[in-house]
Amino acid sequence: EVQLVESGGGLVQTGGSLRLSCAASGFTFDDYAIGWFRQAPGKGREGVACISSINGHTDYAESVKERFTISKDGAKDGANTTVYLKMDSLKPEDTAVYHCAAPLRPLERDLCSSWYRYDTWGPGTQITVSS
């Protein structure tokens, strides 16, 4: 069973930085992806960044390009890894609950930014950016 647990949320001032971590475990295949999503109050869920396990390909939402960076530790045993989201130049509009997520089937030919593929989620961590 794939399990995802986020950490690293908190309160930060505009222009500040935070790094989120997603501890991912339980993968039974090598071709997976980890994505970060966010949901602000009264808004829909938005795919923010993703990374593929096979080739390290990354992708970002336009709203966070050049400010957020996703990276991944080498899988320790093929089934576990940690994915990070470094967030710089934070803005009040980045305030949201951030979740990491993964598809439960191999990506195969899909890009990691095929956001509809994500179907298992961590509980989330709150990021609040004060103005």
C-alpha atoms as a PDB file:
ATOM      1  CA  GLU A   1       0.000   0.000   0.000  1.00  0.00           C
ATOM      2  CA  VAL A   2       1.404   3.393  -1.017  1.00  0.00           C
ATOM      3  CA  GLN A   3       1.622   5.817   1.880  1.00  0.00           C
ATOM      4  CA  LEU A   4       2.474   9.501   1.700  1.00  0.00           C
ATOM      5  CA  VAL A   5       3.177  11.820   4.625  1.00  0.00           C
ATOM      6  CA  GLU A   6       3.970  15.521   4.297  1.00  0.00           C
ATOM      7  CA  SER A   7       5.943  17.685   6.691  1.00  0.00           C
ATOM      8  CA  GLY A   8       7.470  21.145   6.787  1.00  0.00           C
ATOM      9  CA  GLY A   9       4.474  23.445   6.624  1.00  0.00           C
ATOM     10  CA  GLY A  10       4.085  26.612   8.633  1.00  0.00           C
ATOM     11  CA  LEU A  11       3.771  30.371   8.663  1.00  0.00           C
ATOM     12  CA  VAL A  12       6.138  32.548   6.654  1.00  0.00           C
ATOM     13  CA  GLN A  13       6.269  36.171   5.567  1.00  0.00           C
ATOM     14  CA  THR A  14       5.958  37.315   1.970  1.00  0.00           C
ATOM     15  CA  GLY A  15       9.238  36.738   0.165  1.00  0.00           C
ATOM     16  CA  GLY A  16      10.293  33.984   2.531  1.00  0.00           C
ATOM     17  CA  SER A  17      11.118  30.339   1.868  1.00  0.00           C
ATOM     18  CA  LEU A  18       9.975  26.938   3.087  1.00  0.00           C
ATOM     19  CA  ARG A  19      10.821  23.367   2.216  1.00  0.00           C
ATOM     20  CA  LEU A  20       8.191  20.650   2.287  1.00  0.00           C
ATOM     21  CA  SER A  21       9.008  16.948   2.505  1.00  0.00           C
ATOM     22  CA  CYS A  22       6.941  13.999   1.364  1.00  0.00           C
ATOM     23  CA  ALA A  23       7.907  10.595   2.744  1.00  0.00           C
ATOM     24  CA  ALA A  24       6.625   8.068   0.214  1.00  0.00           C
ATOM     25  CA  SER A  25       6.584   4.323   0.767  1.00  0.00           C
ATOM     26  CA  GLY A  26       5.011   1.147  -0.537  1.00  0.00           C
ATOM     27  CA  PHE A  27       5.607   1.413  -4.291  1.00  0.00           C
ATOM     28  CA  THR A  28       5.612  -1.985  -5.982  1.00  0.00           C
ATOM     29  CA  PHE A  29       6.734  -0.663  -9.381  1.00  0.00           C
ATOM     30  CA  ASP A  30       9.632   1.554 -10.509  1.00  0.00           C
ATOM     31  CA  ASP A  31       7.798   3.859 -12.928  1.00  0.00           C
ATOM     32  CA  TYR A  32       5.989   6.181 -10.573  1.00  0.00           C
ATOM     33  CA  ALA A  33       5.557   9.903 -10.008  1.00  0.00           C
ATOM     34  CA  ILE A  34       5.153  12.119  -6.990  1.00  0.00           C
ATOM     35  CA  GLY A  35       3.245  15.359  -7.295  1.00  0.00           C
ATOM     36  CA  TRP A  36       2.531  18.309  -5.061  1.00  0.00           C
ATOM     37  CA  PHE A  37      -0.951  19.791  -5.090  1.00  0.00           C
ATOM     38  CA  ARG A  38      -2.471  22.660  -3.171  1.00  0.00           C
ATOM     39  CA  GLN A  39      -5.928  23.773  -2.249  1.00  0.00           C
ATOM     40  CA  ALA A  40      -6.729  27.242  -0.977  1.00  0.00           C
ATOM     41  CA  PRO A  41      -9.966  28.011   0.876  1.00  0.00           C
ATOM     42  CA  GLY A  42     -12.876  28.221  -1.564  1.00  0.00           C
ATOM     43  CA  LYS A  43     -10.748  27.103  -4.523  1.00  0.00           C
ATOM     44  CA  GLY A  44     -10.210  23.885  -6.402  1.00  0.00           C
ATOM     45  CA  ARG A  45      -7.189  21.634  -6.089  1.00  0.00           C
ATOM     46  CA  GLU A  46      -4.217  22.732  -8.227  1.00  0.00           C
ATOM     47  CA  GLY A  47      -1.299  20.619  -9.397  1.00  0.00           C
ATOM     48  CA  VAL A  48       1.841  22.562  -8.484  1.00  0.00           C
ATOM     49  CA  ALA A  49       4.875  20.403  -9.264  1.00  0.00           C
ATOM     50  CA  CYS A  50       5.745  16.808 -10.070  1.00  0.00           C
ATOM     51  CA  ILE A  51       8.696  14.511 -10.602  1.00  0.00           C
ATOM     52  CA  SER A  52       9.029  11.169 -12.380  1.00  0.00           C
ATOM     53  CA  SER A  53      11.019   8.364 -10.801  1.00  0.00           C
ATOM     54  CA  ILE A  54      12.386   6.863 -14.020  1.00  0.00           C
ATOM     55  CA  ASN A  55      14.069   9.887 -15.624  1.00  0.00           C
ATOM     56  CA  GLY A  56      13.718  12.636 -13.028  1.00  0.00           C
ATOM     57  CA  HIS A  57      11.559  14.709 -15.356  1.00  0.00           C
ATOM     58  CA  THR A  58       9.903  17.607 -13.531  1.00  0.00           C
ATOM     59  CA  ASP A  59       7.054  19.930 -14.359  1.00  0.00           C
ATOM     60  CA  TYR A  60       5.533  22.986 -12.702  1.00  0.00           C
ATOM     61  CA  ALA A  61       2.391  25.042 -12.764  1.00  0.00           C
ATOM     62  CA  GLU A  62       2.913  28.441 -14.386  1.00  0.00           C
ATOM     63  CA  SER A  63       2.063  30.146 -11.113  1.00  0.00           C
ATOM     64  CA  VAL A  64       5.108  28.656  -9.349  1.00  0.00           C
ATOM     65  CA  LYS A  65       7.722  28.348 -12.111  1.00  0.00           C
ATOM     66  CA  GLU A  66      11.070  29.917 -11.188  1.00  0.00           C
ATOM     67  CA  ARG A  67      10.022  30.006  -7.516  1.00  0.00           C
ATOM     68  CA  PHE A  68       9.410  26.354  -6.553  1.00  0.00           C
ATOM     69  CA  THR A  69      11.792  23.435  -7.043  1.00  0.00           C
ATOM     70  CA  ILE A  70      10.895  19.767  -6.701  1.00  0.00           C
ATOM     71  CA  SER A  71      13.565  17.149  -6.044  1.00  0.00           C
ATOM     72  CA  LYS A  72      13.810  13.538  -4.946  1.00  0.00           C
ATOM     73  CA  ASP A  73      16.156  11.471  -2.839  1.00  0.00           C
ATOM     74  CA  GLY A  74      17.418   8.292  -4.421  1.00  0.00           C
ATOM     75  CA  ALA A  75      15.088   5.475  -3.503  1.00  0.00           C
ATOM     76  CA  LYS A  76      16.688   3.581  -0.669  1.00  0.00           C
ATOM     77  CA  ASP A  77      15.171   0.225  -1.431  1.00  0.00           C
ATOM     78  CA  GLY A  78      13.135   0.844  -4.571  1.00  0.00           C
ATOM     79  CA  ALA A  79       9.899   1.214  -2.643  1.00  0.00           C
ATOM     80  CA  ASN A  80      10.622   4.259  -0.480  1.00  0.00           C
ATOM     81  CA  THR A  81      11.723   7.766  -1.279  1.00  0.00           C
ATOM     82  CA  THR A  82      11.471  11.334  -0.059  1.00  0.00           C
ATOM     83  CA  VAL A  83      10.396  14.157  -2.337  1.00  0.00           C
ATOM     84  CA  TYR A  84      11.021  17.794  -1.484  1.00  0.00           C
ATOM     85  CA  LEU A  85       9.362  21.002  -2.576  1.00  0.00           C
ATOM     86  CA  LYS A  86      11.551  24.047  -2.020  1.00  0.00           C
ATOM     87  CA  MET A  87       9.429  27.170  -2.151  1.00  0.00           C
ATOM     88  CA  ASP A  88      11.104  30.576  -2.539  1.00  0.00           C
ATOM     89  CA  SER A  89       9.750  34.097  -2.978  1.00  0.00           C
ATOM     90  CA  LEU A  90       6.500  33.060  -1.349  1.00  0.00           C
ATOM     91  CA  LYS A  91       3.406  35.180  -1.918  1.00  0.00           C
ATOM     92  CA  PRO A  92       0.141  35.435   0.018  1.00  0.00           C
ATOM     93  CA  GLU A  93      -1.594  33.657  -2.871  1.00  0.00           C
ATOM     94  CA  ASP A  94       0.556  30.590  -2.138  1.00  0.00           C
ATOM     95  CA  THR A  95      -1.388  30.134   1.094  1.00  0.00           C
ATOM     96  CA  ALA A  96      -3.060  26.719   0.938  1.00  0.00           C
ATOM     97  CA  VAL A  97      -3.025  23.167   2.222  1.00  0.00           C
ATOM     98  CA  TYR A  98      -0.319  21.321   0.310  1.00  0.00           C
ATOM     99  CA  HIS A  99      -0.638  17.601  -0.396  1.00  0.00           C
ATOM    100  CA  CYS A 100       1.744  15.180  -2.000  1.00  0.00           C
ATOM    101  CA  ALA A 101       0.159  12.542  -4.178  1.00  0.00           C
ATOM    102  CA  ALA A 102       0.963   9.626  -6.464  1.00  0.00           C
ATOM    103  CA  PRO A 103      -0.698   7.569  -9.169  1.00  0.00           C
ATOM    104  CA  LEU A 104      -1.364   3.988  -8.105  1.00  0.00           C
ATOM    105  CA  ARG A 105      -0.375   2.627 -11.531  1.00  0.00           C
ATOM    106  CA  PRO A 106       2.835   3.132 -13.524  1.00  0.00           C
ATOM    107  CA  LEU A 107       3.091   6.343 -15.541  1.00  0.00           C
ATOM    108  CA  GLU A 108       4.121   4.472 -18.714  1.00  0.00           C
ATOM    109  CA  ARG A 109       3.784   7.113 -21.464  1.00  0.00           C
ATOM    110  CA  ASP A 110       2.078   9.772 -19.397  1.00  0.00           C
ATOM    111  CA  LEU A 111       3.918  12.832 -18.179  1.00  0.00           C
ATOM    112  CA  CYS A 112       4.036  13.391 -14.447  1.00  0.00           C
ATOM    113  CA  SER A 113       1.907  16.507 -15.041  1.00  0.00           C
ATOM    114  CA  SER A 114      -1.036  14.335 -16.094  1.00  0.00           C
ATOM    115  CA  TRP A 115      -2.713  15.535 -12.925  1.00  0.00           C
ATOM    116  CA  TYR A 116      -5.802  13.335 -13.407  1.00  0.00           C
ATOM    117  CA  ARG A 117      -3.596  10.280 -12.823  1.00  0.00           C
ATOM    118  CA  TYR A 118      -3.043  11.032  -9.138  1.00  0.00           C
ATOM    119  CA  ASP A 119      -5.278   8.956  -6.915  1.00  0.00           C
ATOM    120  CA  THR A 120      -3.583   8.529  -3.566  1.00  0.00           C
ATOM    121  CA  TRP A 121      -2.916  11.455  -1.259  1.00  0.00           C
ATOM    122  CA  GLY A 122      -1.147  12.439   1.905  1.00  0.00           C
ATOM    123  CA  PRO A 123      -3.103  14.208   4.674  1.00  0.00           C
ATOM    124  CA  GLY A 124      -1.619  17.601   3.770  1.00  0.00           C
ATOM    125  CA  THR A 125       0.278  20.392   5.483  1.00  0.00           C
ATOM    126  CA  GLN A 126      -0.773  24.026   5.861  1.00  0.00           C
ATOM    127  CA  ILE A 127       1.291  26.848   4.368  1.00  0.00           C
ATOM    128  CA  THR A 128       0.334  30.377   5.349  1.00  0.00           C
ATOM    129  CA  VAL A 129       2.103  33.349   3.787  1.00  0.00           C
ATOM    130  CA  SER A 130       1.497  36.612   5.603  1.00  0.00           C
ATOM    131  CA  SER A 131       1.549  39.942   3.768  1.00  0.00           C
END
